[in-house]
Amino acid sequence: SSIAAYLGISSESVAKTIIDFDMLQSKDNVLVAVSGGPDSVALLRVLLALQAKFDIQIGVGHLDHGLRPSAATKDAAFVTSLCNKAGLPCHVETADIQSLHRQRKGSLEALGRKARYHFFGRMAREFGYNKIALGHHADDNAELILMNLFRGSGLLGLSGIPPVRNHRYIRPLIEQPREQLMNFLQDIQANFVMDDTNQDLRFLRNRIRHELMPGLVHRYNPNLVDTLNRTAAIFRTEEDWLTKRLSGFSTPWRRATPS
C-alpha cells in the first residue's frame, strides 16, 4: 500500500515509459536483473507494483562476479531473501571473472558485462522468460554518453543506452533520474546493498559519476542529465532513421551493437 501511495506519479511515469517504448505485453514472463543495489531493487519494486497493470509474471536473476567473495555472498543472500519474501522465482549463480580476465585479458568491466548477458540469456532460455529487465536509469545514460564522447563516437554511441534492445532487453527506469529512485526507496523504507566498486575511481565511469558530473551540474547546467538524455533521444531517432534508409543498401561496414 505504501508503494502504491508513493508511486502515484512515479508509477505513471514508469508505466508511460513502458508503453511508449512497447516494452511489455500481457502474459510476458520477465526476468528482472537484481544485483541487490538500489537501482535494481527499485526496478523490482516498481515492476511488482505494476505487475497487475501489465499482466506479467516476474522472476529474478542474480550473478555474482566472484570479485568480492565475502560481500558477494551477502549480496546473494540479500537477493534470495528479497525473492523469498515476495514469493518470486530466484536464479543465483557465480562466475569467475578474475579467471576469465587472466585467460582473455580485456577489461574487468567488459568481461563482467559479457558474463551477465550470457547468464541472463541462459536463464531466459532455460526458464521461459521472454523479457529481461535491466535497472539502467537516466543518470546511467548521461554518464555513458559522456564516456562515448570522450572515446570518440558517432550517432550510435551518442544515442546512449537503448530503452529496448532486440525486442528482449528492456529498461523501464531509463527515463527516471537516480535521485528520484533513491527518494522512492527511502519513502518505502526498502533495504538494498551497496557495491564498494562503484566508488573505485580507477574506473572511468566512476570518475565521470563522482568527479565530472557533479562539477558540470554545479557550474554549467543543473539539468545536465535531462539535457544529455534529450540529446541522446534526438541522436537515437536520427540513427534509427538512417538505419531504415540504409537497410536496402549493401554497405562495406558493419554497425556496432549498442549497450
Protein backbone atom coordinates (compact mmCIF):
# COMPACT_ATOMS: atom_id res chain seq x y z
CA SER A 1 0.00 0.00 0.00
CA SER A 2 2.83 2.40 0.82
CA ILE A 3 4.37 1.54 -2.55
CA ALA A 4 1.15 2.28 -4.38
CA ALA A 5 0.73 5.55 -2.48
CA TYR A 6 4.21 6.76 -3.28
CA LEU A 7 4.08 5.57 -6.86
CA GLY A 8 1.06 7.73 -7.71
CA ILE A 9 3.14 9.89 -10.07
CA SER A 10 6.24 7.73 -10.33
CA SER A 11 4.41 4.58 -11.40
CA GLU A 12 2.55 6.52 -14.07
CA SER A 13 5.87 7.84 -15.31
CA VAL A 14 7.43 4.37 -15.47
CA ALA A 15 4.26 2.93 -17.00
CA LYS A 16 4.40 5.66 -19.66
CA THR A 17 7.98 4.69 -20.49
CA ILE A 18 6.95 1.04 -20.75
CA ILE A 19 4.06 1.92 -23.05
CA ASP A 20 5.94 4.49 -25.14
CA PHE A 21 8.69 2.01 -25.96
CA ASP A 22 6.35 -1.01 -26.18
CA MET A 23 8.38 -2.85 -23.55
CA LEU A 24 5.75 -5.21 -22.17
CA GLN A 25 2.78 -7.16 -23.43
CA SER A 26 0.19 -9.12 -21.49
CA LYS A 27 1.44 -12.55 -20.30
CA ASP A 28 5.12 -11.63 -20.69
CA ASN A 29 7.44 -13.59 -18.41
CA VAL A 30 10.03 -11.09 -17.16
CA LEU A 31 13.43 -11.89 -15.68
CA VAL A 32 14.48 -8.92 -13.54
CA ALA A 33 18.25 -8.47 -13.13
CA VAL A 34 18.79 -7.75 -9.42
CA SER A 35 22.25 -7.14 -8.02
CA GLY A 36 20.87 -6.03 -4.67
CA GLY A 37 21.93 -2.42 -5.29
CA PRO A 38 19.47 0.50 -5.16
CA ASP A 39 18.81 0.69 -8.91
CA SER A 40 17.89 -2.97 -9.32
CA VAL A 41 15.88 -3.07 -6.09
CA ALA A 42 13.92 -0.02 -7.24
CA LEU A 43 13.33 -1.72 -10.60
CA LEU A 44 12.00 -4.85 -8.93
CA ARG A 45 9.74 -2.95 -6.52
CA VAL A 46 8.31 -0.78 -9.31
CA LEU A 47 7.64 -3.76 -11.58
CA LEU A 48 5.95 -5.60 -8.71
CA ALA A 49 3.72 -2.54 -8.20
CA LEU A 50 2.90 -2.55 -11.94
CA GLN A 51 2.61 -6.33 -12.30
CA ALA A 52 -1.19 -6.43 -12.30
CA LYS A 53 -1.48 -3.44 -14.63
CA PHE A 54 0.63 -5.10 -17.32
CA ASP A 55 -0.43 -8.68 -16.52
CA ILE A 56 3.11 -10.07 -16.35
CA GLN A 57 4.98 -12.79 -14.48
CA ILE A 58 8.23 -11.89 -12.70
CA GLY A 59 11.38 -13.81 -11.74
CA VAL A 60 14.77 -12.61 -10.54
CA GLY A 61 18.29 -13.28 -11.78
CA HIS A 62 21.47 -12.52 -9.78
CA LEU A 63 25.04 -13.16 -10.93
CA ASP A 64 27.97 -13.00 -8.51
CA HIS A 65 31.11 -11.98 -10.43
CA GLY A 66 33.38 -13.57 -7.86
CA LEU A 67 35.30 -10.30 -7.40
CA ARG A 68 34.23 -9.62 -3.80
CA PRO A 69 33.83 -13.05 -2.16
CA SER A 70 32.60 -12.02 1.31
CA ALA A 71 30.44 -9.10 0.17
CA ALA A 72 29.07 -11.05 -2.80
CA THR A 73 27.85 -13.83 -0.52
CA LYS A 74 25.89 -11.24 1.45
CA ASP A 75 24.54 -9.73 -1.79
CA ALA A 76 23.31 -13.13 -2.99
CA ALA A 77 21.73 -13.85 0.39
CA PHE A 78 20.02 -10.46 0.34
CA VAL A 79 18.56 -11.03 -3.14
CA THR A 80 17.45 -14.57 -2.23
CA SER A 81 15.73 -13.27 0.91
CA LEU A 82 14.06 -10.49 -1.10
CA CYS A 83 12.68 -13.04 -3.54
CA ASN A 84 11.52 -15.41 -0.81
CA LYS A 85 9.56 -12.61 0.88
CA ALA A 86 7.93 -11.63 -2.41
CA GLY A 87 7.33 -15.25 -3.47
CA LEU A 88 9.40 -14.86 -6.64
CA PRO A 89 11.50 -17.43 -8.55
CA CYS A 90 15.17 -16.64 -7.91
CA HIS A 91 18.11 -17.71 -10.06
CA VAL A 92 21.56 -17.17 -8.49
CA GLU A 93 24.93 -18.16 -9.93
CA THR A 94 28.61 -17.28 -9.56
CA ALA A 95 31.07 -16.52 -12.39
CA ASP A 96 34.86 -16.45 -12.06
CA ILE A 97 35.59 -13.16 -13.81
CA GLN A 98 39.13 -12.99 -12.44
CA SER A 99 39.98 -16.29 -14.09
CA LEU A 100 38.48 -15.12 -17.37
CA HIS A 101 40.49 -11.92 -17.05
CA ARG A 102 43.73 -13.86 -16.69
CA GLN A 103 42.89 -16.01 -19.71
CA ARG A 104 41.46 -13.44 -22.10
CA LYS A 105 42.74 -10.10 -20.79
CA GLY A 106 40.50 -7.14 -21.62
CA SER A 107 38.78 -5.02 -19.00
CA LEU A 108 37.05 -6.48 -15.96
CA GLU A 109 34.06 -4.27 -16.71
CA ALA A 110 33.65 -5.65 -20.23
CA LEU A 111 34.11 -9.25 -19.09
CA GLY A 112 31.62 -8.77 -16.28
CA ARG A 113 29.07 -7.28 -18.65
CA LYS A 114 29.50 -10.16 -21.10
CA ALA A 115 29.14 -12.71 -18.30
CA ARG A 116 25.94 -11.04 -17.08
CA TYR A 117 24.31 -11.05 -20.51
CA HIS A 118 25.32 -14.67 -21.05
CA PHE A 119 23.79 -15.61 -17.69
CA PHE A 120 20.55 -13.71 -18.27
CA GLY A 121 20.19 -15.16 -21.77
CA ARG A 122 20.74 -18.70 -20.50
CA MET A 123 18.26 -18.26 -17.64
CA ALA A 124 15.70 -16.89 -20.10
CA ARG A 125 16.08 -19.92 -22.36
CA GLU A 126 16.01 -22.45 -19.51
CA PHE A 127 13.06 -20.99 -17.62
CA GLY A 128 10.98 -19.44 -20.38
CA TYR A 129 11.50 -15.72 -19.80
CA ASN A 130 10.81 -13.70 -22.94
CA LYS A 131 11.84 -10.33 -21.49
CA ILE A 132 14.87 -9.33 -19.40
CA ALA A 133 14.52 -6.13 -17.37
CA LEU A 134 17.65 -4.13 -16.50
CA GLY A 135 17.92 -1.29 -13.98
CA HIS A 136 19.66 1.40 -16.03
CA HIS A 137 18.30 4.89 -15.38
CA ALA A 138 18.67 8.42 -16.77
CA ASP A 139 21.92 9.15 -14.91
CA ASP A 140 23.47 5.94 -16.26
CA ASN A 141 22.54 7.05 -19.74
CA ALA A 142 24.05 10.51 -19.28
CA GLU A 143 27.30 9.00 -17.97
CA LEU A 144 27.57 6.61 -20.92
CA ILE A 145 27.02 9.41 -23.41
CA LEU A 146 29.94 11.35 -21.90
CA MET A 147 32.09 8.20 -21.88
CA ASN A 148 31.40 7.60 -25.55
CA LEU A 149 32.02 11.25 -26.36
CA PHE A 150 35.46 11.10 -24.73
CA ARG A 151 36.33 7.89 -26.55
CA GLY A 152 35.14 9.23 -29.88
CA SER A 153 31.79 8.09 -31.18
CA GLY A 154 29.21 8.58 -33.90
CA LEU A 155 25.44 8.75 -33.66
CA LEU A 156 25.12 5.22 -32.31
CA GLY A 157 27.37 5.81 -29.29
CA LEU A 158 25.93 9.24 -28.58
CA SER A 159 22.38 7.87 -28.66
CA GLY A 160 23.17 6.26 -25.31
CA ILE A 161 21.56 3.21 -23.77
CA PRO A 162 18.66 1.86 -25.85
CA PRO A 163 15.40 1.57 -23.88
CA VAL A 164 14.73 -1.72 -25.70
CA ARG A 165 17.26 -3.99 -27.38
CA ASN A 166 16.50 -6.93 -29.64
CA HIS A 167 12.84 -6.82 -28.51
CA ARG A 168 14.05 -8.62 -25.41
CA TYR A 169 16.11 -6.45 -23.08
CA ILE A 170 14.04 -3.67 -21.54
CA ARG A 171 14.94 -0.75 -19.29
CA PRO A 172 11.76 0.59 -17.64
CA LEU A 173 13.68 3.12 -15.47
CA ILE A 174 15.66 4.67 -18.33
CA GLU A 175 13.78 8.00 -18.03
CA GLN A 176 13.98 8.18 -14.23
CA PRO A 177 16.77 10.17 -12.50
CA ARG A 178 18.85 8.45 -9.83
CA GLU A 179 17.72 10.92 -7.17
CA GLN A 180 14.07 10.05 -7.74
CA LEU A 181 14.80 6.34 -7.39
CA MET A 182 16.69 6.91 -4.14
CA ASN A 183 13.81 9.01 -2.80
CA PHE A 184 11.40 6.23 -3.72
CA LEU A 185 13.46 3.61 -1.86
CA GLN A 186 13.72 5.87 1.17
CA ASP A 187 9.99 6.55 1.15
CA ILE A 188 9.03 2.87 1.13
CA GLN A 189 11.92 2.05 3.52
CA ALA A 190 13.32 -0.55 1.15
CA ASN A 191 16.65 -2.14 2.02
CA PHE A 192 19.43 -2.57 -0.52
CA VAL A 193 23.16 -3.28 -0.59
CA MET A 194 25.97 -1.05 -1.85
CA ASP A 195 28.79 -2.25 -4.10
CA ASP A 196 32.09 -0.70 -2.98
CA THR A 197 33.49 -0.99 -6.52
CA ASN A 198 31.06 1.77 -7.54
CA GLN A 199 33.34 4.15 -5.61
CA ASP A 200 36.56 2.90 -7.26
CA LEU A 201 37.96 5.83 -9.23
CA ARG A 202 40.17 3.55 -11.31
CA PHE A 203 37.10 3.01 -13.48
CA LEU A 204 36.31 5.78 -15.98
CA ARG A 205 32.57 5.58 -15.36
CA ASN A 206 33.10 6.15 -11.63
CA ARG A 207 35.32 9.17 -12.29
CA ILE A 208 32.64 10.61 -14.54
CA ARG A 209 29.93 9.87 -11.95
CA HIS A 210 31.70 11.14 -8.85
CA GLU A 211 34.05 13.84 -10.19
CA LEU A 212 32.99 15.17 -13.58
CA MET A 213 29.19 15.10 -13.44
CA PRO A 214 28.82 16.94 -10.11
CA GLY A 215 31.13 19.70 -11.33
CA LEU A 216 29.28 20.09 -14.63
CA VAL A 217 25.91 20.14 -12.87
CA HIS A 218 27.09 22.64 -10.27
CA ARG A 219 28.98 25.03 -12.57
CA TYR A 220 27.39 24.72 -16.00
CA ASN A 221 23.98 23.07 -16.19
CA PRO A 222 21.86 21.93 -13.21
CA ASN A 223 19.67 19.99 -15.66
CA LEU A 224 22.59 18.23 -17.36
CA VAL A 225 21.19 14.70 -17.00
CA ASP A 226 17.91 15.70 -18.64
CA THR A 227 19.76 17.65 -21.34
CA LEU A 228 22.03 14.72 -22.23
CA ASN A 229 19.09 12.32 -22.28
CA ARG A 230 17.10 14.58 -24.59
CA THR A 231 20.10 14.94 -26.88
CA ALA A 232 20.58 11.17 -26.90
CA ALA A 233 16.91 10.70 -27.85
CA ILE A 234 17.43 13.00 -30.84
CA PHE A 235 20.53 11.06 -31.89
CA ARG A 236 18.67 7.76 -31.44
CA THR A 237 15.83 8.97 -33.67
CA GLU A 238 18.30 10.04 -36.35
CA GLU A 239 20.22 6.77 -36.03
CA ASP A 240 17.00 4.76 -36.40
CA TRP A 241 16.01 6.80 -39.46
CA LEU A 242 19.42 6.29 -41.09
CA THR A 243 19.35 2.58 -40.34
CA LYS A 244 15.95 2.20 -42.02
CA ARG A 245 17.01 4.31 -45.01
CA LEU A 246 20.19 2.30 -45.49
CA SER A 247 18.68 -1.12 -44.82
CA GLY A 248 18.17 -1.73 -48.52
CA PHE A 249 21.76 -0.97 -49.43
CA SER A 250 24.82 -3.18 -49.24
CA THR A 251 27.48 -1.45 -47.12
CA PRO A 252 31.16 -2.31 -46.55
CA TRP A 253 30.88 -1.59 -42.83
CA ARG A 254 29.00 -3.23 -40.01
CA ARG A 255 27.16 -1.30 -37.34
CA ALA A 256 28.33 -1.65 -33.75
CA THR A 257 25.99 -3.28 -31.23
CA PRO A 258 24.64 -0.77 -28.67
CA SER A 259 24.87 -1.32 -24.90
